[in-house]
Amino acid sequence: MSILDVKSDVSYCVGGFGEGLDHPECITWGSDGYAYAGGEGGQIYRIDVENNHFEQFARAPNFVGGLCQDGSGSLYICSGNKVYKTDNDGNLTEYSVGTPDVAMIGPNYPAFDKNGNLYVTDSGEWKKDNGKIFKISPGGQTEVWSEFPKTFPNGICFSPSGTDLYVAVSLNPPRIEKISISETGEAGPPETVIEIPNSVPDGLAFDADANLYISCYRPDTIFRLDTKGTLEVLVHDYEGTLMAAPTNIAFCGNNLDDLLSANLGRWHISRYALTTVGLPLNYPVL
């Protein structure tokens, strides 16, 4: 039993069957009032969620795993083995390739803390247990922030207090972990929040009431973890059409009351009819 009905509560935001976005993996809500999504061929799409319209804004060299925006309008894009930064016209420059001693393998998803530090999961290689989390300071200096989790860390988000980083871990076992952030910015030991058997967790987002939403590449499901630790199925698509490998999720719209998901298996962005609003992201001015 799910909270939402896939037939009546899930719809297309942009794109459609066989046309639209090129297998979007990621989505984020920007500081400029647009949503942004990344395509399989490196496309960066800008989405007007009020008018259900999208356009290509920029293009990265490779598949886009994740992206976010700062308060100045620049996007930060995980593509290939690098993190790129755009200017306001969509031109890309390299922002980080890792540290002098530890190169990025597969940067997947970025998120800003309130101080302007960019945290980036490096998923590593599938089933190779060589994942980690990088931290990039506002000046671009990069460090390995945490050697864990190693088993394909994926989407991330900050707790409402900003004192913990939540991580979707896709493998061995599939689970959600949180890593405490000390007052001086160091990573604490990872702590398992919940395991989700027979799934591939991918994206995370908190709502304003501190419920955690978890989108799963497999099966085609979004879960909701409430503040008491109860895991519920928000919605499931057994046909895999309206929801087709839902990867990243984001609360979008001027009131953050529009939950959207990217669908790696199709050509569209899905919209979910919720009555809650999302937790605002951090948009540092860099």
C-alpha atoms as a PDB file:
ATOM      1  CA  MET A   1       0.000   0.000   0.000  1.00  0.00           C
ATOM      2  CA  SER A   2       1.404   3.388  -0.967  1.00  0.00           C
ATOM      3  CA  ILE A   3       0.606   6.908   0.185  1.00  0.00           C
ATOM      4  CA  LEU A   4       0.151   8.196  -3.374  1.00  0.00           C
ATOM      5  CA  ASP A   5      -1.586   6.509  -6.283  1.00  0.00           C
ATOM      6  CA  VAL A   6       0.677   6.289  -9.313  1.00  0.00           C
ATOM      7  CA  LYS A   7      -2.261   6.638 -11.727  1.00  0.00           C
ATOM      8  CA  SER A   8      -3.772   9.783 -10.215  1.00  0.00           C
ATOM      9  CA  ASP A   9      -0.974  11.428  -8.207  1.00  0.00           C
ATOM     10  CA  VAL A  10       1.980  11.156 -10.609  1.00  0.00           C
ATOM     11  CA  SER A  11       2.179  13.098 -13.874  1.00  0.00           C
ATOM     12  CA  TYR A  12       4.593  14.444 -16.472  1.00  0.00           C
ATOM     13  CA  CYS A  13       6.223  17.781 -15.664  1.00  0.00           C
ATOM     14  CA  VAL A  14       8.243  18.015 -18.891  1.00  0.00           C
ATOM     15  CA  GLY A  15       9.112  15.489 -21.576  1.00  0.00           C
ATOM     16  CA  GLY A  16       7.100  12.480 -22.602  1.00  0.00           C
ATOM     17  CA  PHE A  17       7.173   9.004 -24.068  1.00  0.00           C
ATOM     18  CA  GLY A  18       9.955   8.665 -26.609  1.00  0.00           C
ATOM     19  CA  GLU A  19      10.775  12.373 -26.679  1.00  0.00           C
ATOM     20  CA  GLY A  20      11.952  15.119 -24.375  1.00  0.00           C
ATOM     21  CA  LEU A  21      14.972  14.857 -22.106  1.00  0.00           C
ATOM     22  CA  ASP A  22      17.748  12.377 -22.795  1.00  0.00           C
ATOM     23  CA  HIS A  23      17.375   9.841 -19.964  1.00  0.00           C
ATOM     24  CA  PRO A  24      17.731  12.361 -17.122  1.00  0.00           C
ATOM     25  CA  GLU A  25      19.634  11.112 -14.082  1.00  0.00           C
ATOM     26  CA  CYS A  26      19.572  14.183 -11.863  1.00  0.00           C
ATOM     27  CA  ILE A  27      17.449  17.154 -10.920  1.00  0.00           C
ATOM     28  CA  THR A  28      17.868  20.121  -8.573  1.00  0.00           C
ATOM     29  CA  TRP A  29      16.060  23.330  -7.718  1.00  0.00           C
ATOM     30  CA  GLY A  30      18.135  26.406  -8.453  1.00  0.00           C
ATOM     31  CA  SER A  31      18.492  29.731  -6.695  1.00  0.00           C
ATOM     32  CA  ASP A  32      17.292  31.467  -9.875  1.00  0.00           C
ATOM     33  CA  GLY A  33      13.786  29.976  -9.847  1.00  0.00           C
ATOM     34  CA  TYR A  34      14.399  27.181 -12.351  1.00  0.00           C
ATOM     35  CA  ALA A  35      14.898  23.451 -11.972  1.00  0.00           C
ATOM     36  CA  TYR A  36      17.919  21.910 -13.666  1.00  0.00           C
ATOM     37  CA  ALA A  37      18.390  18.351 -14.900  1.00  0.00           C
ATOM     38  CA  GLY A  38      21.247  16.449 -16.522  1.00  0.00           C
ATOM     39  CA  GLY A  39      21.018  14.097 -19.495  1.00  0.00           C
ATOM     40  CA  GLU A  40      22.775  10.930 -20.551  1.00  0.00           C
ATOM     41  CA  GLY A  41      24.690  12.734 -23.292  1.00  0.00           C
ATOM     42  CA  GLY A  42      25.909  15.543 -21.020  1.00  0.00           C
ATOM     43  CA  GLN A  43      22.961  17.856 -21.645  1.00  0.00           C
ATOM     44  CA  ILE A  44      22.099  20.382 -18.940  1.00  0.00           C
ATOM     45  CA  TYR A  45      18.418  21.253 -19.090  1.00  0.00           C
ATOM     46  CA  ARG A  46      16.789  24.342 -17.563  1.00  0.00           C
ATOM     47  CA  ILE A  47      13.174  23.726 -16.592  1.00  0.00           C
ATOM     48  CA  ASP A  48      10.361  26.210 -16.014  1.00  0.00           C
ATOM     49  CA  VAL A  49       8.223  24.115 -13.682  1.00  0.00           C
ATOM     50  CA  GLU A  50       5.334  26.615 -13.623  1.00  0.00           C
ATOM     51  CA  ASN A  51       4.872  26.487 -17.393  1.00  0.00           C
ATOM     52  CA  ASN A  52       6.092  22.909 -17.988  1.00  0.00           C
ATOM     53  CA  HIS A  53       8.776  24.022 -20.419  1.00  0.00           C
ATOM     54  CA  PHE A  54      12.445  23.058 -20.783  1.00  0.00           C
ATOM     55  CA  GLU A  55      15.439  24.056 -22.864  1.00  0.00           C
ATOM     56  CA  GLN A  56      19.059  22.977 -23.105  1.00  0.00           C
ATOM     57  CA  PHE A  57      21.201  25.435 -21.166  1.00  0.00           C
ATOM     58  CA  ALA A  58      24.676  23.867 -21.370  1.00  0.00           C
ATOM     59  CA  ARG A  59      26.479  20.640 -22.181  1.00  0.00           C
ATOM     60  CA  ALA A  60      29.004  18.672 -20.169  1.00  0.00           C
ATOM     61  CA  PRO A  61      31.518  16.305 -21.797  1.00  0.00           C
ATOM     62  CA  ASN A  62      29.987  13.124 -20.354  1.00  0.00           C
ATOM     63  CA  PHE A  63      26.987  11.640 -18.595  1.00  0.00           C
ATOM     64  CA  VAL A  64      25.735  13.954 -15.831  1.00  0.00           C
ATOM     65  CA  GLY A  65      25.326  12.245 -12.462  1.00  0.00           C
ATOM     66  CA  GLY A  66      24.313  15.216 -10.332  1.00  0.00           C
ATOM     67  CA  LEU A  67      24.257  18.979 -10.151  1.00  0.00           C
ATOM     68  CA  CYS A  68      23.492  21.908  -7.861  1.00  0.00           C
ATOM     69  CA  GLN A  69      23.538  25.703  -8.020  1.00  0.00           C
ATOM     70  CA  ASP A  70      25.116  28.411  -5.884  1.00  0.00           C
ATOM     71  CA  GLY A  71      23.602  31.768  -5.010  1.00  0.00           C
ATOM     72  CA  SER A  72      25.340  33.479  -7.919  1.00  0.00           C
ATOM     73  CA  GLY A  73      23.705  31.279 -10.533  1.00  0.00           C
ATOM     74  CA  SER A  74      26.643  28.988 -11.317  1.00  0.00           C
ATOM     75  CA  LEU A  75      25.945  25.284 -11.655  1.00  0.00           C
ATOM     76  CA  TYR A  76      28.259  22.592 -10.305  1.00  0.00           C
ATOM     77  CA  ILE A  77      28.099  19.441 -12.395  1.00  0.00           C
ATOM     78  CA  CYS A  78      29.379  15.916 -11.808  1.00  0.00           C
ATOM     79  CA  SER A  79      30.328  14.526 -15.216  1.00  0.00           C
ATOM     80  CA  GLY A  80      32.812  11.806 -16.083  1.00  0.00           C
ATOM     81  CA  ASN A  81      35.631  11.951 -13.533  1.00  0.00           C
ATOM     82  CA  LYS A  82      35.435  15.690 -12.831  1.00  0.00           C
ATOM     83  CA  VAL A  83      33.300  18.394 -11.287  1.00  0.00           C
ATOM     84  CA  TYR A  84      32.592  21.341 -13.582  1.00  0.00           C
ATOM     85  CA  LYS A  85      31.347  24.860 -12.905  1.00  0.00           C
ATOM     86  CA  THR A  86      29.294  26.949 -15.313  1.00  0.00           C
ATOM     87  CA  ASP A  87      29.056  30.671 -15.691  1.00  0.00           C
ATOM     88  CA  ASN A  88      25.663  32.305 -16.164  1.00  0.00           C
ATOM     89  CA  ASP A  89      25.878  31.724 -19.916  1.00  0.00           C
ATOM     90  CA  GLY A  90      26.418  27.993 -19.590  1.00  0.00           C
ATOM     91  CA  ASN A  91      30.149  27.899 -20.318  1.00  0.00           C
ATOM     92  CA  LEU A  92      31.991  25.172 -18.388  1.00  0.00           C
ATOM     93  CA  THR A  93      35.300  25.188 -16.566  1.00  0.00           C
ATOM     94  CA  GLU A  94      36.883  22.449 -14.463  1.00  0.00           C
ATOM     95  CA  TYR A  95      36.210  22.963 -10.758  1.00  0.00           C
ATOM     96  CA  SER A  96      37.799  19.841  -9.254  1.00  0.00           C
ATOM     97  CA  VAL A  97      39.395  16.576 -10.340  1.00  0.00           C
ATOM     98  CA  GLY A  98      40.145  15.422  -6.783  1.00  0.00           C
ATOM     99  CA  THR A  99      43.271  15.938  -4.709  1.00  0.00           C
ATOM    100  CA  PRO A 100      46.893  15.741  -5.934  1.00  0.00           C
ATOM    101  CA  ASP A 101      47.058  12.235  -4.468  1.00  0.00           C
ATOM    102  CA  VAL A 102      43.486  10.963  -4.960  1.00  0.00           C
ATOM    103  CA  ALA A 103      41.819  11.473  -8.320  1.00  0.00           C
ATOM    104  CA  MET A 104      38.072  11.374  -8.652  1.00  0.00           C
ATOM    105  CA  ILE A 105      36.777   8.182 -10.261  1.00  0.00           C
ATOM    106  CA  GLY A 106      33.061   8.760 -10.628  1.00  0.00           C
ATOM    107  CA  PRO A 107      31.803  11.918  -8.933  1.00  0.00           C
ATOM    108  CA  ASN A 108      28.082  11.431  -8.618  1.00  0.00           C
ATOM    109  CA  TYR A 109      26.212  14.040  -6.611  1.00  0.00           C
ATOM    110  CA  PRO A 110      27.099  17.484  -5.159  1.00  0.00           C
ATOM    111  CA  ALA A 111      25.519  19.473  -2.317  1.00  0.00           C
ATOM    112  CA  PHE A 112      26.480  22.754  -0.634  1.00  0.00           C
ATOM    113  CA  ASP A 113      26.582  23.301   3.096  1.00  0.00           C
ATOM    114  CA  LYS A 114      25.679  26.705   4.532  1.00  0.00           C
ATOM    115  CA  ASN A 115      29.352  27.773   4.529  1.00  0.00           C
ATOM    116  CA  GLY A 116      29.848  27.229   0.819  1.00  0.00           C
ATOM    117  CA  ASN A 117      31.693  23.915   1.031  1.00  0.00           C
ATOM    118  CA  LEU A 118      30.690  21.532  -1.746  1.00  0.00           C
ATOM    119  CA  TYR A 119      30.358  17.885  -0.724  1.00  0.00           C
ATOM    120  CA  VAL A 120      30.625  15.407  -3.600  1.00  0.00           C
ATOM    121  CA  THR A 121      30.048  11.678  -3.505  1.00  0.00           C
ATOM    122  CA  ASP A 122      32.477   9.693  -5.608  1.00  0.00           C
ATOM    123  CA  SER A 123      30.657   6.435  -6.254  1.00  0.00           C
ATOM    124  CA  GLY A 124      33.782   4.755  -7.549  1.00  0.00           C
ATOM    125  CA  GLU A 125      33.238   1.694  -9.689  1.00  0.00           C
ATOM    126  CA  TRP A 126      30.218  -0.577  -9.463  1.00  0.00           C
ATOM    127  CA  LYS A 127      30.872  -3.359  -6.936  1.00  0.00           C
ATOM    128  CA  LYS A 128      34.518  -2.326  -6.517  1.00  0.00           C
ATOM    129  CA  ASP A 129      34.043  -0.774  -3.042  1.00  0.00           C
ATOM    130  CA  ASN A 130      36.212   2.244  -3.843  1.00  0.00           C
ATOM    131  CA  GLY A 131      33.740   5.042  -3.159  1.00  0.00           C
ATOM    132  CA  LYS A 132      34.361   8.074  -0.941  1.00  0.00           C
ATOM    133  CA  ILE A 133      33.195  11.632  -0.306  1.00  0.00           C
ATOM    134  CA  PHE A 134      35.164  14.716  -1.326  1.00  0.00           C
ATOM    135  CA  LYS A 135      34.817  18.195   0.131  1.00  0.00           C
ATOM    136  CA  ILE A 136      35.644  21.256  -1.949  1.00  0.00           C
ATOM    137  CA  SER A 137      36.162  24.586  -0.181  1.00  0.00           C
ATOM    138  CA  PRO A 138      34.772  27.834  -1.656  1.00  0.00           C
ATOM    139  CA  GLY A 139      38.202  28.508  -3.146  1.00  0.00           C
ATOM    140  CA  GLY A 140      38.255  25.164  -4.925  1.00  0.00           C
ATOM    141  CA  GLN A 141      40.676  23.326  -2.640  1.00  0.00           C
ATOM    142  CA  THR A 142      39.677  19.652  -2.502  1.00  0.00           C
ATOM    143  CA  GLU A 143      40.104  17.072   0.226  1.00  0.00           C
ATOM    144  CA  VAL A 144      38.920  13.530   0.848  1.00  0.00           C
ATOM    145  CA  TRP A 145      36.369  14.269   3.542  1.00  0.00           C
ATOM    146  CA  SER A 146      35.344  10.678   4.283  1.00  0.00           C
ATOM    147  CA  GLU A 147      36.646   7.307   3.111  1.00  0.00           C
ATOM    148  CA  PHE A 148      33.183   5.915   3.790  1.00  0.00           C
ATOM    149  CA  PRO A 149      30.832   4.666   2.583  1.00  0.00           C
ATOM    150  CA  LYS A 150      32.838   2.694   0.051  1.00  0.00           C
ATOM    151  CA  THR A 151      29.982   0.694  -1.511  1.00  0.00           C
ATOM    152  CA  PHE A 152      28.719   3.137  -4.147  1.00  0.00           C
ATOM    153  CA  PRO A 153      27.705   6.309  -2.273  1.00  0.00           C
ATOM    154  CA  ASN A 154      25.108   8.060  -4.377  1.00  0.00           C
ATOM    155  CA  GLY A 155      22.742  10.969  -3.633  1.00  0.00           C
ATOM    156  CA  ILE A 156      23.235  13.163  -0.565  1.00  0.00           C
ATOM    157  CA  CYS A 157      21.430  15.826   1.419  1.00  0.00           C
ATOM    158  CA  PHE A 158      21.959  17.680   4.680  1.00  0.00           C
ATOM    159  CA  SER A 159      19.816  17.173   7.751  1.00  0.00           C
ATOM    160  CA  PRO A 160      17.510  20.061   8.721  1.00  0.00           C
ATOM    161  CA  SER A 161      20.038  21.097  11.384  1.00  0.00           C
ATOM    162  CA  GLY A 162      22.919  20.923   8.915  1.00  0.00           C
ATOM    163  CA  THR A 163      24.936  18.820  11.340  1.00  0.00           C
ATOM    164  CA  ASP A 164      24.635  15.516   9.458  1.00  0.00           C
ATOM    165  CA  LEU A 165      25.153  14.485   5.855  1.00  0.00           C
ATOM    166  CA  TYR A 166      22.726  11.803   4.691  1.00  0.00           C
ATOM    167  CA  VAL A 167      24.008   9.423   2.011  1.00  0.00           C
ATOM    168  CA  ALA A 168      22.136   6.987  -0.219  1.00  0.00           C
ATOM    169  CA  VAL A 169      24.318   3.879  -0.464  1.00  0.00           C
ATOM    170  CA  SER A 170      23.343   1.713  -3.410  1.00  0.00           C
ATOM    171  CA  LEU A 171      25.088  -1.559  -2.532  1.00  0.00           C
ATOM    172  CA  ASN A 172      26.071  -4.153   0.061  1.00  0.00           C
ATOM    173  CA  PRO A 173      23.580  -3.648   1.616  1.00  0.00           C
ATOM    174  CA  PRO A 174      21.409  -0.935   0.051  1.00  0.00           C
ATOM    175  CA  ARG A 175      20.886   1.590   2.832  1.00  0.00           C
ATOM    176  CA  ILE A 176      20.822   5.171   4.035  1.00  0.00           C
ATOM    177  CA  GLU A 177      23.713   6.359   6.173  1.00  0.00           C
ATOM    178  CA  LYS A 178      24.390   9.596   7.966  1.00  0.00           C
ATOM    179  CA  ILE A 179      27.750  11.125   8.775  1.00  0.00           C
ATOM    180  CA  SER A 180      28.005  13.706  11.517  1.00  0.00           C
ATOM    181  CA  ILE A 181      29.814  16.964  10.781  1.00  0.00           C
ATOM    182  CA  SER A 182      31.900  18.314  13.651  1.00  0.00           C
ATOM    183  CA  GLU A 183      32.003  22.001  14.564  1.00  0.00           C
ATOM    184  CA  THR A 184      35.325  22.213  12.730  1.00  0.00           C
ATOM    185  CA  GLY A 185      33.979  20.390   9.667  1.00  0.00           C
ATOM    186  CA  GLU A 186      35.464  16.906  10.066  1.00  0.00           C
ATOM    187  CA  ALA A 187      33.515  13.758   9.255  1.00  0.00           C
ATOM    188  CA  GLY A 188      32.377  11.448  12.009  1.00  0.00           C
ATOM    189  CA  PRO A 189      31.952   7.686  11.580  1.00  0.00           C
ATOM    190  CA  PRO A 190      29.093   6.627   9.288  1.00  0.00           C
ATOM    191  CA  GLU A 191      25.912   5.451  10.973  1.00  0.00           C
ATOM    192  CA  THR A 192      23.282   3.303   9.275  1.00  0.00           C
ATOM    193  CA  VAL A 193      19.890   4.993   9.406  1.00  0.00           C
ATOM    194  CA  ILE A 194      17.954   2.234   7.657  1.00  0.00           C
ATOM    195  CA  GLU A 195      18.546  -0.656   5.282  1.00  0.00           C
ATOM    196  CA  ILE A 196      16.249  -1.069   2.277  1.00  0.00           C
ATOM    197  CA  PRO A 197      16.603  -4.647   0.978  1.00  0.00           C
ATOM    198  CA  ASN A 198      16.034  -5.462  -2.688  1.00  0.00           C
ATOM    199  CA  SER A 199      16.455  -1.877  -3.817  1.00  0.00           C
ATOM    200  CA  VAL A 200      19.000   0.540  -5.275  1.00  0.00           C
ATOM    201  CA  PRO A 201      18.689   3.824  -3.341  1.00  0.00           C
ATOM    202  CA  ASP A 202      19.745   6.800  -5.426  1.00  0.00           C
ATOM    203  CA  GLY A 203      18.301  10.211  -4.456  1.00  0.00           C
ATOM    204  CA  LEU A 204      17.452  11.958  -1.185  1.00  0.00           C
ATOM    205  CA  ALA A 205      15.470  15.016  -0.095  1.00  0.00           C
ATOM    206  CA  PHE A 206      14.064  16.267   3.204  1.00  0.00           C
ATOM    207  CA  ASP A 207      10.752  18.032   3.565  1.00  0.00           C
ATOM    208  CA  ALA A 208      10.170  20.907   5.978  1.00  0.00           C
ATOM    209  CA  ASP A 209       8.851  18.474   8.615  1.00  0.00           C
ATOM    210  CA  ALA A 210      12.119  16.471   8.576  1.00  0.00           C
ATOM    211  CA  ASN A 211      10.689  13.483   6.701  1.00  0.00           C
ATOM    212  CA  LEU A 212      13.275  11.951   4.370  1.00  0.00           C
ATOM    213  CA  TYR A 213      12.322  10.975   0.810  1.00  0.00           C
ATOM    214  CA  ILE A 214      14.334   8.226  -0.890  1.00  0.00           C
ATOM    215  CA  SER A 215      14.121   7.569  -4.614  1.00  0.00           C
ATOM    216  CA  CYS A 216      15.219   4.158  -5.832  1.00  0.00           C
ATOM    217  CA  TYR A 217      16.617   3.338  -9.249  1.00  0.00           C
ATOM    218  CA  ARG A 218      15.261  -0.149  -8.621  1.00  0.00           C
ATOM    219  CA  PRO A 219      12.468  -0.895  -8.044  1.00  0.00           C
ATOM    220  CA  ASP A 220      10.561   2.105  -9.442  1.00  0.00           C
ATOM    221  CA  THR A 221       9.739   3.399  -5.978  1.00  0.00           C
ATOM    222  CA  ILE A 222      10.020   6.443  -3.739  1.00  0.00           C
ATOM    223  CA  PHE A 223      10.002   5.813   0.008  1.00  0.00           C
ATOM    224  CA  ARG A 224       9.319   8.209   2.866  1.00  0.00           C
ATOM    225  CA  LEU A 225      11.129   7.798   6.180  1.00  0.00           C
ATOM    226  CA  ASP A 226       9.325   9.698   8.921  1.00  0.00           C
ATOM    227  CA  THR A 227      10.851  11.232  12.037  1.00  0.00           C
ATOM    228  CA  LYS A 228       9.978   8.117  14.076  1.00  0.00           C
ATOM    229  CA  GLY A 229      11.978   5.895  11.738  1.00  0.00           C
ATOM    230  CA  THR A 230       8.990   4.350   9.976  1.00  0.00           C
ATOM    231  CA  LEU A 231       9.628   3.596   6.305  1.00  0.00           C
ATOM    232  CA  GLU A 232       6.592   3.899   4.032  1.00  0.00           C
ATOM    233  CA  VAL A 233       6.127   3.512   0.301  1.00  0.00           C
ATOM    234  CA  LEU A 234       5.271   6.968  -0.990  1.00  0.00           C
ATOM    235  CA  VAL A 235       4.548   5.667  -4.477  1.00  0.00           C
ATOM    236  CA  HIS A 236       5.469   2.702  -6.670  1.00  0.00           C
ATOM    237  CA  ASP A 237       5.074   2.221 -10.407  1.00  0.00           C
ATOM    238  CA  TYR A 238       4.844  -1.475 -11.191  1.00  0.00           C
ATOM    239  CA  GLU A 239       4.657  -0.668 -14.919  1.00  0.00           C
ATOM    240  CA  GLY A 240       7.784   1.497 -14.872  1.00  0.00           C
ATOM    241  CA  THR A 241       6.272   4.161 -17.122  1.00  0.00           C
ATOM    242  CA  LEU A 242       5.392   7.303 -15.170  1.00  0.00           C
ATOM    243  CA  MET A 243       8.252   6.357 -12.859  1.00  0.00           C
ATOM    244  CA  ALA A 244      11.062   4.697 -14.793  1.00  0.00           C
ATOM    245  CA  ALA A 245      14.226   4.281 -12.729  1.00  0.00           C
ATOM    246  CA  PRO A 246      13.569   7.411 -10.628  1.00  0.00           C
ATOM    247  CA  THR A 247      17.015   8.555  -9.622  1.00  0.00           C
ATOM    248  CA  ASN A 248      17.389  12.014  -8.072  1.00  0.00           C
ATOM    249  CA  ILE A 249      14.492  13.921  -6.510  1.00  0.00           C
ATOM    250  CA  ALA A 250      14.042  17.564  -5.543  1.00  0.00           C
ATOM    251  CA  PHE A 251      11.415  19.843  -4.062  1.00  0.00           C
ATOM    252  CA  CYS A 252      10.930  22.569  -6.639  1.00  0.00           C
ATOM    253  CA  GLY A 253       8.766  25.624  -7.317  1.00  0.00           C
ATOM    254  CA  ASN A 254       8.728  29.011  -5.648  1.00  0.00           C
ATOM    255  CA  ASN A 255       7.101  27.504  -2.559  1.00  0.00           C
ATOM    256  CA  LEU A 256       9.082  24.230  -2.720  1.00  0.00           C
ATOM    257  CA  ASP A 257       5.791  22.377  -2.927  1.00  0.00           C
ATOM    258  CA  ASP A 258       6.500  20.521  -6.176  1.00  0.00           C
ATOM    259  CA  LEU A 259       8.280  17.178  -5.712  1.00  0.00           C
ATOM    260  CA  LEU A 260       9.954  16.168  -8.974  1.00  0.00           C
ATOM    261  CA  SER A 261      12.048  13.171  -9.992  1.00  0.00           C
ATOM    262  CA  ALA A 262      14.390  12.471 -12.856  1.00  0.00           C
ATOM    263  CA  ASN A 263      13.792   9.181 -14.687  1.00  0.00           C
ATOM    264  CA  LEU A 264      16.934   7.568 -16.042  1.00  0.00           C
ATOM    265  CA  GLY A 265      14.867   4.945 -17.836  1.00  0.00           C
ATOM    266  CA  ARG A 266      12.763   7.385 -19.871  1.00  0.00           C
ATOM    267  CA  TRP A 267      12.617  10.893 -21.325  1.00  0.00           C
ATOM    268  CA  HIS A 268      10.713  12.914 -18.752  1.00  0.00           C
ATOM    269  CA  ILE A 269      10.596  14.533 -15.340  1.00  0.00           C
ATOM    270  CA  SER A 270       7.810  13.278 -13.058  1.00  0.00           C
ATOM    271  CA  ARG A 271       5.680  15.384 -10.713  1.00  0.00           C
ATOM    272  CA  TYR A 272       4.162  14.060  -7.482  1.00  0.00           C
ATOM    273  CA  ALA A 273       1.029  15.457  -5.866  1.00  0.00           C
ATOM    274  CA  LEU A 274       2.092  16.118  -2.282  1.00  0.00           C
ATOM    275  CA  THR A 275       0.727  18.550   0.274  1.00  0.00           C
ATOM    276  CA  THR A 276       4.058  19.063   2.033  1.00  0.00           C
ATOM    277  CA  VAL A 277       6.863  21.486   1.183  1.00  0.00           C
ATOM    278  CA  GLY A 278      10.557  20.812   0.910  1.00  0.00           C
ATOM    279  CA  LEU A 279      13.486  21.825   3.066  1.00  0.00           C
ATOM    280  CA  PRO A 280      15.321  24.723   1.378  1.00  0.00           C
ATOM    281  CA  LEU A 281      18.747  23.966  -0.069  1.00  0.00           C
ATOM    282  CA  ASN A 282      21.869  26.013   0.630  1.00  0.00           C
ATOM    283  CA  TYR A 283      22.805  28.614  -1.998  1.00  0.00           C
ATOM    284  CA  PRO A 284      26.101  30.213  -0.973  1.00  0.00           C
ATOM    285  CA  VAL A 285      27.215  33.271  -2.918  1.00  0.00           C
ATOM    286  CA  LEU A 286      30.648  32.372  -4.276  1.00  0.00           C
END
